[in-house]
Amino acid sequence: MQAYRLVERVSEAEVAARVRDLAEEIDRDYEGKDVVLIGVLKGAFVFLADLIRNLRVPVEVDFVRLASYGAAAESSGCIRLTKDVEARLEGRDVLIVEDIVDTGVTVDWMLKHLKQHGPRSIKVCTLIDKFECRRCAVPVDYAGIRISGGFVVGYGLDFAEKHRGLKGIYEVEFLNDGSGGAAP
């Protein structure tokens, strides 16, 4: 693996503030509704845990697990469902909770998949919106932090299964090792 260092992009305090802000928005929009939050594993579990602790509206929580990255720094674009939703979604308001929306391919796939369950509505909440990377036009209804460029880790996001436990958001800065090799 190529050598790299981590450069802080968003502090722990900034992340916590944005999560609180998102919870307030969601509380306003979903007051009195039958809401199911669907966390996308593995990356969204930290964000989802903090988000629900900040919500006042009652919610049901479920998870899906999708594979599109493997150990690479870029999405393969090929989505595999490895754990499906178990909650009943028909006639309910669904909020997809993602760690990051970049190309939009995963969210596009999720929206199509969940619509088959007959929900009343589906919206998308993401901690990080990398809007400049879109390949699919997908709605992001709640975005915590908008960033451009760079591969980021921390607060649930990983690089080769490492760095999920960092409390802020860090950019992976690949170091030139002189070999001319490309980053993973």
C-alpha atoms as a PDB file:
ATOM      1  CA  MET A   1       0.000   0.000   0.000  1.00  0.00           C
ATOM      2  CA  GLN A   2       1.256   3.455  -0.862  1.00  0.00           C
ATOM      3  CA  ALA A   3       2.329   5.662   2.042  1.00  0.00           C
ATOM      4  CA  TYR A   4      -0.086   8.395   3.104  1.00  0.00           C
ATOM      5  CA  ARG A   5      -0.813  10.874   5.852  1.00  0.00           C
ATOM      6  CA  LEU A   6      -4.065  12.216   7.240  1.00  0.00           C
ATOM      7  CA  VAL A   7      -4.913  15.913   7.094  1.00  0.00           C
ATOM      8  CA  GLU A   8      -7.852  17.210   9.158  1.00  0.00           C
ATOM      9  CA  ARG A   9     -10.640  18.664   7.007  1.00  0.00           C
ATOM     10  CA  VAL A  10     -13.461  18.903   9.574  1.00  0.00           C
ATOM     11  CA  SER A  11     -12.939  18.963  13.346  1.00  0.00           C
ATOM     12  CA  GLU A  12     -14.778  16.806  15.867  1.00  0.00           C
ATOM     13  CA  ALA A  13     -16.640  19.898  17.135  1.00  0.00           C
ATOM     14  CA  GLU A  14     -17.740  20.870  13.611  1.00  0.00           C
ATOM     15  CA  VAL A  15     -19.001  17.344  12.916  1.00  0.00           C
ATOM     16  CA  ALA A  16     -20.980  17.294  16.188  1.00  0.00           C
ATOM     17  CA  ALA A  17     -22.526  20.702  15.425  1.00  0.00           C
ATOM     18  CA  ARG A  18     -23.617  19.616  11.948  1.00  0.00           C
ATOM     19  CA  VAL A  19     -25.148  16.396  13.300  1.00  0.00           C
ATOM     20  CA  ARG A  20     -27.182  18.460  15.798  1.00  0.00           C
ATOM     21  CA  ASP A  21     -28.283  20.829  13.007  1.00  0.00           C
ATOM     22  CA  LEU A  22     -29.359  17.923  10.801  1.00  0.00           C
ATOM     23  CA  ALA A  23     -31.323  16.369  13.679  1.00  0.00           C
ATOM     24  CA  GLU A  24     -33.205  19.657  14.167  1.00  0.00           C
ATOM     25  CA  GLU A  25     -34.107  19.784  10.449  1.00  0.00           C
ATOM     26  CA  ILE A  26     -35.244  16.163  10.469  1.00  0.00           C
ATOM     27  CA  ASP A  27     -37.291  16.715  13.647  1.00  0.00           C
ATOM     28  CA  ARG A  28     -39.132  19.605  11.957  1.00  0.00           C
ATOM     29  CA  ASP A  29     -39.778  17.700   8.731  1.00  0.00           C
ATOM     30  CA  TYR A  30     -40.827  14.381  10.276  1.00  0.00           C
ATOM     31  CA  GLU A  31     -42.896  15.500  13.272  1.00  0.00           C
ATOM     32  CA  GLY A  32     -45.921  13.218  13.595  1.00  0.00           C
ATOM     33  CA  LYS A  33     -44.761  10.840  10.847  1.00  0.00           C
ATOM     34  CA  ASP A  34     -43.988   7.119  10.839  1.00  0.00           C
ATOM     35  CA  VAL A  35     -40.257   7.204  10.086  1.00  0.00           C
ATOM     36  CA  VAL A  36     -37.761   4.461   9.305  1.00  0.00           C
ATOM     37  CA  LEU A  37     -34.090   5.423   9.185  1.00  0.00           C
ATOM     38  CA  ILE A  38     -32.039   3.065   7.039  1.00  0.00           C
ATOM     39  CA  GLY A  39     -28.328   3.209   7.711  1.00  0.00           C
ATOM     40  CA  VAL A  40     -25.968   2.069   4.989  1.00  0.00           C
ATOM     41  CA  LEU A  41     -23.307  -0.167   6.530  1.00  0.00           C
ATOM     42  CA  LYS A  42     -20.552  -0.043   7.365  1.00  0.00           C
ATOM     43  CA  GLY A  43     -19.708   3.612   6.931  1.00  0.00           C
ATOM     44  CA  ALA A  44     -22.881   5.264   8.239  1.00  0.00           C
ATOM     45  CA  PHE A  45     -23.078   3.482  11.599  1.00  0.00           C
ATOM     46  CA  VAL A  46     -21.233   6.180  13.598  1.00  0.00           C
ATOM     47  CA  PHE A  47     -23.176   9.032  11.998  1.00  0.00           C
ATOM     48  CA  LEU A  48     -26.492   7.198  12.408  1.00  0.00           C
ATOM     49  CA  ALA A  49     -25.830   6.477  16.094  1.00  0.00           C
ATOM     50  CA  ASP A  50     -25.103  10.133  16.851  1.00  0.00           C
ATOM     51  CA  LEU A  51     -27.969  11.335  14.663  1.00  0.00           C
ATOM     52  CA  ILE A  52     -30.629   9.257  16.441  1.00  0.00           C
ATOM     53  CA  ARG A  53     -29.336  10.360  19.841  1.00  0.00           C
ATOM     54  CA  ASN A  54     -29.979  13.956  18.727  1.00  0.00           C
ATOM     55  CA  LEU A  55     -33.466  13.323  17.295  1.00  0.00           C
ATOM     56  CA  ARG A  56     -36.670  14.012  19.215  1.00  0.00           C
ATOM     57  CA  VAL A  57     -39.016  12.285  16.735  1.00  0.00           C
ATOM     58  CA  PRO A  58     -39.482   8.571  17.320  1.00  0.00           C
ATOM     59  CA  VAL A  59     -37.846   6.480  14.611  1.00  0.00           C
ATOM     60  CA  GLU A  60     -37.356   2.856  13.719  1.00  0.00           C
ATOM     61  CA  VAL A  61     -33.826   1.983  12.625  1.00  0.00           C
ATOM     62  CA  ASP A  62     -32.770  -0.632  10.110  1.00  0.00           C
ATOM     63  CA  PHE A  63     -29.692  -1.274   8.017  1.00  0.00           C
ATOM     64  CA  VAL A  64     -28.612  -2.355   4.578  1.00  0.00           C
ATOM     65  CA  ARG A  65     -25.129  -3.351   3.619  1.00  0.00           C
ATOM     66  CA  LEU A  66     -23.849  -2.663   0.155  1.00  0.00           C
ATOM     67  CA  ALA A  67     -20.471  -3.288  -1.377  1.00  0.00           C
ATOM     68  CA  SER A  68     -19.003  -0.950  -3.987  1.00  0.00           C
ATOM     69  CA  TYR A  69     -15.521   0.021  -2.761  1.00  0.00           C
ATOM     70  CA  GLY A  70     -13.750  -3.052  -1.418  1.00  0.00           C
ATOM     71  CA  ALA A  71     -10.266  -1.927  -0.342  1.00  0.00           C
ATOM     72  CA  ALA A  72      -9.984   0.703  -3.077  1.00  0.00           C
ATOM     73  CA  ALA A  73     -10.135   4.470  -2.796  1.00  0.00           C
ATOM     74  CA  GLU A  74     -12.676   4.732  -5.615  1.00  0.00           C
ATOM     75  CA  SER A  75     -16.088   3.127  -5.967  1.00  0.00           C
ATOM     76  CA  SER A  76     -16.181   0.298  -8.484  1.00  0.00           C
ATOM     77  CA  GLY A  77     -19.661   1.426  -9.540  1.00  0.00           C
ATOM     78  CA  CYS A  78     -20.880  -2.173  -9.200  1.00  0.00           C
ATOM     79  CA  ILE A  79     -23.318  -2.452  -6.273  1.00  0.00           C
ATOM     80  CA  ARG A  80     -23.836  -5.698  -4.363  1.00  0.00           C
ATOM     81  CA  LEU A  81     -26.526  -5.976  -1.687  1.00  0.00           C
ATOM     82  CA  THR A  82     -25.118  -8.094   1.136  1.00  0.00           C
ATOM     83  CA  LYS A  83     -27.777  -7.291   3.803  1.00  0.00           C
ATOM     84  CA  ASP A  84     -31.273  -6.130   2.933  1.00  0.00           C
ATOM     85  CA  VAL A  85     -33.726  -4.081   4.952  1.00  0.00           C
ATOM     86  CA  GLU A  86     -35.913  -6.081   7.351  1.00  0.00           C
ATOM     87  CA  ALA A  87     -38.388  -3.392   8.460  1.00  0.00           C
ATOM     88  CA  ARG A  88     -41.782  -3.049   6.817  1.00  0.00           C
ATOM     89  CA  LEU A  89     -41.548   0.070   4.622  1.00  0.00           C
ATOM     90  CA  GLU A  90     -44.925   0.097   2.883  1.00  0.00           C
ATOM     91  CA  GLY A  91     -46.736   3.391   3.479  1.00  0.00           C
ATOM     92  CA  ARG A  92     -43.977   4.738   5.736  1.00  0.00           C
ATOM     93  CA  ASP A  93     -41.532   7.633   5.451  1.00  0.00           C
ATOM     94  CA  VAL A  94     -38.015   6.360   4.803  1.00  0.00           C
ATOM     95  CA  LEU A  95     -34.826   8.303   5.401  1.00  0.00           C
ATOM     96  CA  ILE A  96     -31.660   6.770   3.958  1.00  0.00           C
ATOM     97  CA  VAL A  97     -28.675   7.654   6.153  1.00  0.00           C
ATOM     98  CA  GLU A  98     -25.350   7.594   4.300  1.00  0.00           C
ATOM     99  CA  ASP A  99     -21.827   8.406   5.394  1.00  0.00           C
ATOM    100  CA  ILE A 100     -20.922  10.000   2.063  1.00  0.00           C
ATOM    101  CA  VAL A 101     -22.581  10.687  -1.274  1.00  0.00           C
ATOM    102  CA  ASP A 102     -20.022  11.133  -4.012  1.00  0.00           C
ATOM    103  CA  THR A 103     -20.761   9.618  -7.438  1.00  0.00           C
ATOM    104  CA  GLY A 104     -24.401   9.091  -6.486  1.00  0.00           C
ATOM    105  CA  VAL A 105     -24.349   5.549  -7.894  1.00  0.00           C
ATOM    106  CA  THR A 106     -25.005   3.891  -4.522  1.00  0.00           C
ATOM    107  CA  VAL A 107     -27.828   6.277  -3.586  1.00  0.00           C
ATOM    108  CA  ASP A 108     -29.405   5.892  -7.039  1.00  0.00           C
ATOM    109  CA  TRP A 109     -29.346   2.107  -6.587  1.00  0.00           C
ATOM    110  CA  MET A 110     -30.779   2.403  -3.046  1.00  0.00           C
ATOM    111  CA  LEU A 111     -33.631   4.664  -4.134  1.00  0.00           C
ATOM    112  CA  LYS A 112     -34.678   2.226  -6.866  1.00  0.00           C
ATOM    113  CA  HIS A 113     -34.369  -0.750  -4.526  1.00  0.00           C
ATOM    114  CA  LEU A 114     -36.346   0.797  -1.659  1.00  0.00           C
ATOM    115  CA  LYS A 115     -39.137   2.104  -3.936  1.00  0.00           C
ATOM    116  CA  GLN A 116     -40.018  -1.546  -4.572  1.00  0.00           C
ATOM    117  CA  HIS A 117     -41.075  -1.758  -0.896  1.00  0.00           C
ATOM    118  CA  GLY A 118     -43.828   0.864  -1.383  1.00  0.00           C
ATOM    119  CA  PRO A 119     -42.802   3.600   1.071  1.00  0.00           C
ATOM    120  CA  ARG A 120     -44.839   6.808   1.311  1.00  0.00           C
ATOM    121  CA  SER A 121     -41.666   8.851   0.805  1.00  0.00           C
ATOM    122  CA  ILE A 122     -37.910   8.377   0.563  1.00  0.00           C
ATOM    123  CA  LYS A 123     -35.355  11.048   1.384  1.00  0.00           C
ATOM    124  CA  VAL A 124     -31.575  11.006   1.685  1.00  0.00           C
ATOM    125  CA  CYS A 125     -29.437  12.251   4.571  1.00  0.00           C
ATOM    126  CA  THR A 126     -25.657  12.190   4.311  1.00  0.00           C
ATOM    127  CA  LEU A 127     -22.892  13.319   6.585  1.00  0.00           C
ATOM    128  CA  ILE A 128     -20.673  14.269   3.638  1.00  0.00           C
ATOM    129  CA  ASP A 129     -21.814  15.469   0.226  1.00  0.00           C
ATOM    130  CA  LYS A 130     -19.053  15.401  -2.399  1.00  0.00           C
ATOM    131  CA  PHE A 131     -21.273  17.134  -4.949  1.00  0.00           C
ATOM    132  CA  GLU A 132     -18.525  17.654  -7.542  1.00  0.00           C
ATOM    133  CA  CYS A 133     -18.105  13.878  -7.996  1.00  0.00           C
ATOM    134  CA  ARG A 134     -21.668  13.119  -9.179  1.00  0.00           C
ATOM    135  CA  ARG A 135     -22.191  10.671 -12.020  1.00  0.00           C
ATOM    136  CA  CYS A 136     -25.900  10.255 -11.186  1.00  0.00           C
ATOM    137  CA  ALA A 137     -28.246  13.106 -10.382  1.00  0.00           C
ATOM    138  CA  VAL A 138     -29.594  12.070  -6.979  1.00  0.00           C
ATOM    139  CA  PRO A 139     -31.452  14.102  -4.370  1.00  0.00           C
ATOM    140  CA  VAL A 140     -29.608  14.851  -1.150  1.00  0.00           C
ATOM    141  CA  ASP A 141     -32.250  16.239   1.171  1.00  0.00           C
ATOM    142  CA  TYR A 142     -30.032  16.645   4.239  1.00  0.00           C
ATOM    143  CA  ALA A 143     -26.289  17.214   3.861  1.00  0.00           C
ATOM    144  CA  GLY A 144     -24.080  17.714   6.882  1.00  0.00           C
ATOM    145  CA  ILE A 145     -20.859  18.805   5.243  1.00  0.00           C
ATOM    146  CA  ARG A 146     -20.246  19.678   1.610  1.00  0.00           C
ATOM    147  CA  ILE A 147     -16.700  19.085   0.416  1.00  0.00           C
ATOM    148  CA  SER A 148     -14.943  18.806  -2.898  1.00  0.00           C
ATOM    149  CA  GLY A 149     -12.130  16.505  -3.931  1.00  0.00           C
ATOM    150  CA  GLY A 150      -9.986  14.217  -1.866  1.00  0.00           C
ATOM    151  CA  PHE A 151     -10.558  10.834  -0.271  1.00  0.00           C
ATOM    152  CA  VAL A 152     -11.794  11.274   3.302  1.00  0.00           C
ATOM    153  CA  VAL A 153     -11.862   9.045   6.376  1.00  0.00           C
ATOM    154  CA  GLY A 154     -12.988   9.225   9.977  1.00  0.00           C
ATOM    155  CA  TYR A 155     -16.324   9.265  11.798  1.00  0.00           C
ATOM    156  CA  GLY A 156     -17.235   5.906  10.252  1.00  0.00           C
ATOM    157  CA  LEU A 157     -15.571   6.393   6.878  1.00  0.00           C
ATOM    158  CA  ASP A 158     -12.642   4.119   6.199  1.00  0.00           C
ATOM    159  CA  PHE A 159      -9.699   3.460   3.942  1.00  0.00           C
ATOM    160  CA  ALA A 160      -9.083  -0.293   3.653  1.00  0.00           C
ATOM    161  CA  GLU A 161     -11.113  -0.769   6.880  1.00  0.00           C
ATOM    162  CA  LYS A 162      -8.909   1.652   8.847  1.00  0.00           C
ATOM    163  CA  HIS A 163      -9.586   5.060  10.463  1.00  0.00           C
ATOM    164  CA  ARG A 164     -13.363   4.656  11.100  1.00  0.00           C
ATOM    165  CA  GLY A 165     -12.885   5.656  14.755  1.00  0.00           C
ATOM    166  CA  LEU A 166     -11.404   9.097  14.096  1.00  0.00           C
ATOM    167  CA  LYS A 167     -13.677  11.749  15.594  1.00  0.00           C
ATOM    168  CA  GLY A 168     -13.211  14.301  12.812  1.00  0.00           C
ATOM    169  CA  ILE A 169     -13.003  14.041   9.022  1.00  0.00           C
ATOM    170  CA  TYR A 170      -9.538  13.669   7.504  1.00  0.00           C
ATOM    171  CA  GLU A 171      -8.296  13.697   3.940  1.00  0.00           C
ATOM    172  CA  VAL A 172      -5.984  10.871   2.920  1.00  0.00           C
ATOM    173  CA  GLU A 173      -2.986  12.558   1.339  1.00  0.00           C
ATOM    174  CA  PHE A 174      -0.936  10.041  -0.614  1.00  0.00           C
ATOM    175  CA  LEU A 175       2.807  10.569  -0.435  1.00  0.00           C
ATOM    176  CA  ASN A 176       5.044  10.271  -3.461  1.00  0.00           C
ATOM    177  CA  ASP A 177       7.281   7.313  -2.736  1.00  0.00           C
ATOM    178  CA  GLY A 178       9.382   7.892  -5.848  1.00  0.00           C
ATOM    179  CA  SER A 179       8.163   4.720  -7.560  1.00  0.00           C
ATOM    180  CA  GLY A 180       5.661   6.537  -9.736  1.00  0.00           C
ATOM    181  CA  GLY A 181       2.980   4.051  -8.677  1.00  0.00           C
ATOM    182  CA  ALA A 182      -0.627   5.096  -8.538  1.00  0.00           C
ATOM    183  CA  ALA A 183      -2.556   5.374  -5.328  1.00  0.00           C
ATOM    184  CA  PRO A 184      -4.716   2.360  -4.505  1.00  0.00           C
END
